[in-house]
Amino acid sequence: MKDYPAQLEKLRKDAAECALIRDLATEPAKRELFDRLANHLTVLADQVETAMLERKTGTRPPDSMRHAVMDLMPAAISRQRTSIGPFAYWVARIYGPK
């Protein structure tokens, strides 16, 4: 797919922006929120990169590598399918109704 590199770049940029906001935040709640967002976007970018490599080489990475990435994501999130983007999903999940 031609849009994989563009999506990968966008995820990496979004993760970097969240990390920057986290570093500048003075409130602990905001710092935690943007830390979680940065970590989640980084995991998503790693998954896109893994998918790109799988497609390019026709092989899958070792299971230990796949499990390491999946362990960073909460199980409910990794199974959830949503039509909104990852950043909007996390913001809605954190600020949405409890």
N, C-alpha and C. Protein backbone atom coordinates (compact mmCIF):
# COMPACT_ATOMS: atom_id res chain seq x y z
N MET A 1 0.83 -1.18 0.00
CA MET A 1 0.00 0.00 0.00
C MET A 1 0.88 1.25 0.00
N LYS A 2 0.47 2.20 -0.78
CA LYS A 2 1.27 3.41 -0.92
C LYS A 2 1.12 4.36 0.26
N ASP A 3 0.02 4.26 0.99
CA ASP A 3 -0.21 5.21 2.09
C ASP A 3 0.45 4.78 3.40
N TYR A 4 1.04 3.59 3.47
CA TYR A 4 1.73 3.16 4.69
C TYR A 4 2.82 4.14 5.12
N PRO A 5 3.74 4.53 4.22
CA PRO A 5 4.80 5.46 4.65
C PRO A 5 4.24 6.80 5.14
N ALA A 6 3.21 7.28 4.50
CA ALA A 6 2.61 8.55 4.93
C ALA A 6 1.96 8.41 6.30
N GLN A 7 1.26 7.29 6.52
CA GLN A 7 0.64 7.06 7.82
C GLN A 7 1.70 6.87 8.90
N LEU A 8 2.77 6.19 8.57
CA LEU A 8 3.85 5.99 9.52
C LEU A 8 4.46 7.32 9.93
N GLU A 9 4.72 8.16 8.95
CA GLU A 9 5.28 9.49 9.24
C GLU A 9 4.33 10.31 10.10
N LYS A 10 3.04 10.28 9.80
CA LYS A 10 2.05 11.03 10.59
C LYS A 10 2.00 10.52 12.02
N LEU A 11 2.02 9.21 12.21
CA LEU A 11 1.99 8.66 13.57
C LEU A 11 3.23 9.08 14.34
N ARG A 12 4.39 9.03 13.70
CA ARG A 12 5.63 9.43 14.38
C ARG A 12 5.60 10.92 14.75
N LYS A 13 5.09 11.75 13.84
CA LYS A 13 5.00 13.19 14.13
C LYS A 13 4.03 13.45 15.28
N ASP A 14 2.88 12.78 15.25
CA ASP A 14 1.90 12.95 16.33
C ASP A 14 2.47 12.50 17.67
N ALA A 15 3.21 11.40 17.66
CA ALA A 15 3.83 10.91 18.89
C ALA A 15 4.85 11.92 19.42
N ALA A 16 5.63 12.50 18.51
CA ALA A 16 6.62 13.50 18.91
C ALA A 16 5.95 14.75 19.48
N GLU A 17 4.84 15.17 18.86
CA GLU A 17 4.11 16.34 19.37
C GLU A 17 3.54 16.07 20.76
N CYS A 18 3.00 14.86 20.96
CA CYS A 18 2.46 14.51 22.27
C CYS A 18 3.58 14.48 23.31
N ALA A 19 4.74 13.97 22.93
CA ALA A 19 5.87 13.94 23.85
C ALA A 19 6.33 15.35 24.20
N LEU A 20 6.31 16.24 23.23
CA LEU A 20 6.69 17.63 23.49
C LEU A 20 5.70 18.30 24.44
N ILE A 21 4.41 18.10 24.18
CA ILE A 21 3.39 18.67 25.06
C ILE A 21 3.53 18.08 26.47
N ARG A 22 3.79 16.77 26.54
CA ARG A 22 4.01 16.12 27.85
C ARG A 22 5.15 16.79 28.60
N ASP A 23 6.24 17.05 27.90
CA ASP A 23 7.41 17.65 28.54
C ASP A 23 7.17 19.08 28.99
N LEU A 24 6.26 19.78 28.30
CA LEU A 24 5.97 21.17 28.65
C LEU A 24 4.84 21.32 29.65
N ALA A 25 4.07 20.26 29.85
CA ALA A 25 2.91 20.33 30.73
C ALA A 25 3.33 20.52 32.18
N THR A 26 2.59 21.34 32.88
CA THR A 26 2.88 21.58 34.29
C THR A 26 1.94 20.79 35.20
N GLU A 27 0.77 20.43 34.71
CA GLU A 27 -0.18 19.66 35.51
C GLU A 27 0.13 18.16 35.37
N PRO A 28 0.16 17.44 36.48
CA PRO A 28 0.44 16.00 36.41
C PRO A 28 -0.57 15.22 35.56
N ALA A 29 -1.84 15.60 35.59
CA ALA A 29 -2.86 14.90 34.81
C ALA A 29 -2.60 15.06 33.31
N LYS A 30 -2.25 16.29 32.90
CA LYS A 30 -1.94 16.52 31.49
C LYS A 30 -0.68 15.79 31.08
N ARG A 31 0.29 15.80 31.96
CA ARG A 31 1.55 15.11 31.66
C ARG A 31 1.28 13.62 31.45
N GLU A 32 0.48 13.04 32.32
CA GLU A 32 0.15 11.61 32.19
C GLU A 32 -0.64 11.34 30.91
N LEU A 33 -1.60 12.20 30.61
CA LEU A 33 -2.42 12.03 29.41
C LEU A 33 -1.55 12.02 28.16
N PHE A 34 -0.70 13.01 28.02
CA PHE A 34 0.11 13.10 26.80
C PHE A 34 1.24 12.06 26.78
N ASP A 35 1.64 11.58 27.94
CA ASP A 35 2.58 10.47 27.97
C ASP A 35 1.91 9.21 27.43
N ARG A 36 0.68 8.96 27.85
CA ARG A 36 -0.05 7.80 27.36
C ARG A 36 -0.31 7.90 25.86
N LEU A 37 -0.66 9.10 25.41
CA LEU A 37 -0.90 9.30 23.98
C LEU A 37 0.39 9.07 23.17
N ALA A 38 1.49 9.63 23.64
CA ALA A 38 2.76 9.46 22.92
C ALA A 38 3.14 7.98 22.86
N ASN A 39 2.98 7.27 23.96
CA ASN A 39 3.31 5.84 23.98
C ASN A 39 2.41 5.06 23.04
N HIS A 40 1.12 5.36 23.06
CA HIS A 40 0.19 4.64 22.20
C HIS A 40 0.48 4.89 20.72
N LEU A 41 0.73 6.14 20.36
CA LEU A 41 1.03 6.45 18.97
C LEU A 41 2.34 5.82 18.52
N THR A 42 3.30 5.71 19.42
CA THR A 42 4.55 5.04 19.09
C THR A 42 4.32 3.56 18.82
N VAL A 43 3.48 2.93 19.63
CA VAL A 43 3.15 1.52 19.42
C VAL A 43 2.45 1.34 18.07
N LEU A 44 1.52 2.22 17.77
CA LEU A 44 0.82 2.14 16.49
C LEU A 44 1.80 2.31 15.32
N ALA A 45 2.72 3.24 15.45
CA ALA A 45 3.71 3.45 14.38
C ALA A 45 4.58 2.20 14.22
N ASP A 46 4.95 1.58 15.33
CA ASP A 46 5.74 0.35 15.26
C ASP A 46 4.96 -0.76 14.55
N GLN A 47 3.66 -0.83 14.81
CA GLN A 47 2.84 -1.84 14.15
C GLN A 47 2.73 -1.59 12.65
N VAL A 48 2.60 -0.33 12.27
CA VAL A 48 2.54 0.00 10.84
C VAL A 48 3.87 -0.36 10.18
N GLU A 49 4.97 -0.04 10.85
CA GLU A 49 6.28 -0.36 10.30
C GLU A 49 6.46 -1.87 10.17
N THR A 50 5.98 -2.63 11.15
CA THR A 50 6.05 -4.09 11.08
C THR A 50 5.22 -4.60 9.91
N ALA A 51 4.04 -4.03 9.71
CA ALA A 51 3.19 -4.43 8.59
C ALA A 51 3.86 -4.13 7.26
N MET A 52 4.55 -2.99 7.18
CA MET A 52 5.27 -2.65 5.95
C MET A 52 6.37 -3.67 5.66
N LEU A 53 7.10 -4.04 6.70
CA LEU A 53 8.17 -5.03 6.52
C LEU A 53 7.60 -6.39 6.14
N GLU A 54 6.48 -6.76 6.75
CA GLU A 54 5.85 -8.03 6.41
C GLU A 54 5.46 -8.06 4.94
N ARG A 55 4.88 -6.97 4.48
CA ARG A 55 4.45 -6.89 3.08
C ARG A 55 5.64 -6.91 2.12
N LYS A 56 6.67 -6.21 2.52
CA LYS A 56 7.84 -6.10 1.64
C LYS A 56 8.60 -7.42 1.53
N THR A 57 8.81 -8.08 2.65
CA THR A 57 9.61 -9.30 2.67
C THR A 57 8.77 -10.56 2.53
N GLY A 58 7.49 -10.46 2.80
CA GLY A 58 6.63 -11.64 2.74
C GLY A 58 6.81 -12.55 3.94
N THR A 59 7.49 -12.07 4.96
CA THR A 59 7.68 -12.87 6.16
C THR A 59 7.18 -12.08 7.36
N ARG A 60 6.97 -12.80 8.43
CA ARG A 60 6.54 -12.17 9.68
C ARG A 60 7.73 -12.08 10.62
N PRO A 61 7.76 -11.03 11.44
CA PRO A 61 8.84 -10.94 12.43
C PRO A 61 8.66 -12.04 13.48
N PRO A 62 9.68 -12.33 14.26
CA PRO A 62 9.56 -13.35 15.30
C PRO A 62 8.41 -13.02 16.25
N ASP A 63 7.78 -14.07 16.76
CA ASP A 63 6.65 -13.85 17.67
C ASP A 63 7.05 -13.04 18.89
N SER A 64 8.28 -13.17 19.34
CA SER A 64 8.70 -12.42 20.51
C SER A 64 8.63 -10.92 20.24
N MET A 65 8.93 -10.50 19.02
CA MET A 65 8.86 -9.08 18.67
C MET A 65 7.42 -8.62 18.61
N ARG A 66 6.55 -9.43 18.04
CA ARG A 66 5.14 -9.09 17.94
C ARG A 66 4.51 -9.00 19.32
N HIS A 67 4.85 -9.94 20.20
CA HIS A 67 4.27 -9.92 21.54
C HIS A 67 4.76 -8.71 22.33
N ALA A 68 6.00 -8.32 22.13
CA ALA A 68 6.52 -7.17 22.85
C ALA A 68 5.75 -5.91 22.50
N VAL A 69 5.40 -5.74 21.25
CA VAL A 69 4.62 -4.57 20.84
C VAL A 69 3.21 -4.66 21.39
N MET A 70 2.59 -5.82 21.30
CA MET A 70 1.21 -5.98 21.76
C MET A 70 1.10 -5.85 23.27
N ASP A 71 2.14 -6.20 24.01
CA ASP A 71 2.10 -6.09 25.47
C ASP A 71 2.03 -4.64 25.92
N LEU A 72 2.48 -3.72 25.09
CA LEU A 72 2.44 -2.31 25.46
C LEU A 72 1.04 -1.72 25.36
N MET A 73 0.16 -2.36 24.60
CA MET A 73 -1.20 -1.85 24.42
C MET A 73 -2.15 -2.60 25.32
N PRO A 74 -3.09 -1.91 25.93
CA PRO A 74 -4.12 -2.62 26.69
C PRO A 74 -4.88 -3.56 25.76
N ALA A 75 -5.26 -4.71 26.27
CA ALA A 75 -5.91 -5.73 25.45
C ALA A 75 -7.19 -5.22 24.81
N ALA A 76 -7.98 -4.46 25.55
CA ALA A 76 -9.24 -3.96 25.00
C ALA A 76 -8.99 -3.03 23.83
N ILE A 77 -7.93 -2.25 23.88
CA ILE A 77 -7.62 -1.31 22.81
C ILE A 77 -7.14 -2.08 21.58
N SER A 78 -6.30 -3.09 21.79
CA SER A 78 -5.76 -3.81 20.64
C SER A 78 -6.84 -4.57 19.89
N ARG A 79 -7.92 -4.96 20.58
CA ARG A 79 -9.00 -5.68 19.92
C ARG A 79 -10.04 -4.73 19.33
N GLN A 80 -10.07 -3.50 19.80
CA GLN A 80 -11.11 -2.56 19.39
C GLN A 80 -10.89 -2.11 17.95
N ARG A 81 -11.97 -2.07 17.21
CA ARG A 81 -11.93 -1.55 15.85
C ARG A 81 -12.75 -0.26 15.86
N THR A 82 -12.18 0.78 15.34
CA THR A 82 -12.87 2.06 15.36
C THR A 82 -12.63 2.79 14.05
N SER A 83 -13.59 3.64 13.69
CA SER A 83 -13.46 4.35 12.42
C SER A 83 -12.76 5.69 12.59
N ILE A 84 -12.56 6.15 13.83
CA ILE A 84 -11.86 7.41 14.03
C ILE A 84 -10.37 7.15 14.15
N GLY A 85 -9.57 8.17 13.98
CA GLY A 85 -8.13 8.03 14.06
C GLY A 85 -7.66 7.74 15.47
N PRO A 86 -6.43 7.26 15.62
CA PRO A 86 -5.94 6.86 16.93
C PRO A 86 -5.86 8.01 17.92
N PHE A 87 -5.47 9.18 17.47
CA PHE A 87 -5.36 10.32 18.37
C PHE A 87 -6.74 10.71 18.88
N ALA A 88 -7.70 10.82 17.98
CA ALA A 88 -9.06 11.17 18.38
C ALA A 88 -9.66 10.08 19.27
N TYR A 89 -9.35 8.83 18.99
CA TYR A 89 -9.86 7.73 19.80
C TYR A 89 -9.38 7.85 21.24
N TRP A 90 -8.08 8.12 21.42
CA TRP A 90 -7.56 8.22 22.77
C TRP A 90 -8.11 9.44 23.50
N VAL A 91 -8.24 10.55 22.82
CA VAL A 91 -8.80 11.73 23.47
C VAL A 91 -10.24 11.45 23.88
N ALA A 92 -11.03 10.82 23.01
CA ALA A 92 -12.41 10.49 23.34
C ALA A 92 -12.47 9.49 24.48
N ARG A 93 -11.55 8.55 24.48
CA ARG A 93 -11.53 7.54 25.54
C ARG A 93 -11.21 8.16 26.90
N ILE A 94 -10.29 9.11 26.91
CA ILE A 94 -9.86 9.71 28.17
C ILE A 94 -10.86 10.75 28.67
N TYR A 95 -11.36 11.59 27.77
CA TYR A 95 -12.26 12.67 28.17
C TYR A 95 -13.74 12.30 28.04
N GLY A 96 -14.03 11.16 27.44
CA GLY A 96 -15.42 10.75 27.22
C GLY A 96 -16.09 10.34 28.52
N PRO A 97 -17.37 9.94 28.41
CA PRO A 97 -18.10 9.52 29.61
C PRO A 97 -17.47 8.30 30.25
N LYS A 98 -17.51 8.27 31.54
CA LYS A 98 -16.89 7.16 32.29
C LYS A 98 -17.91 6.14 32.67
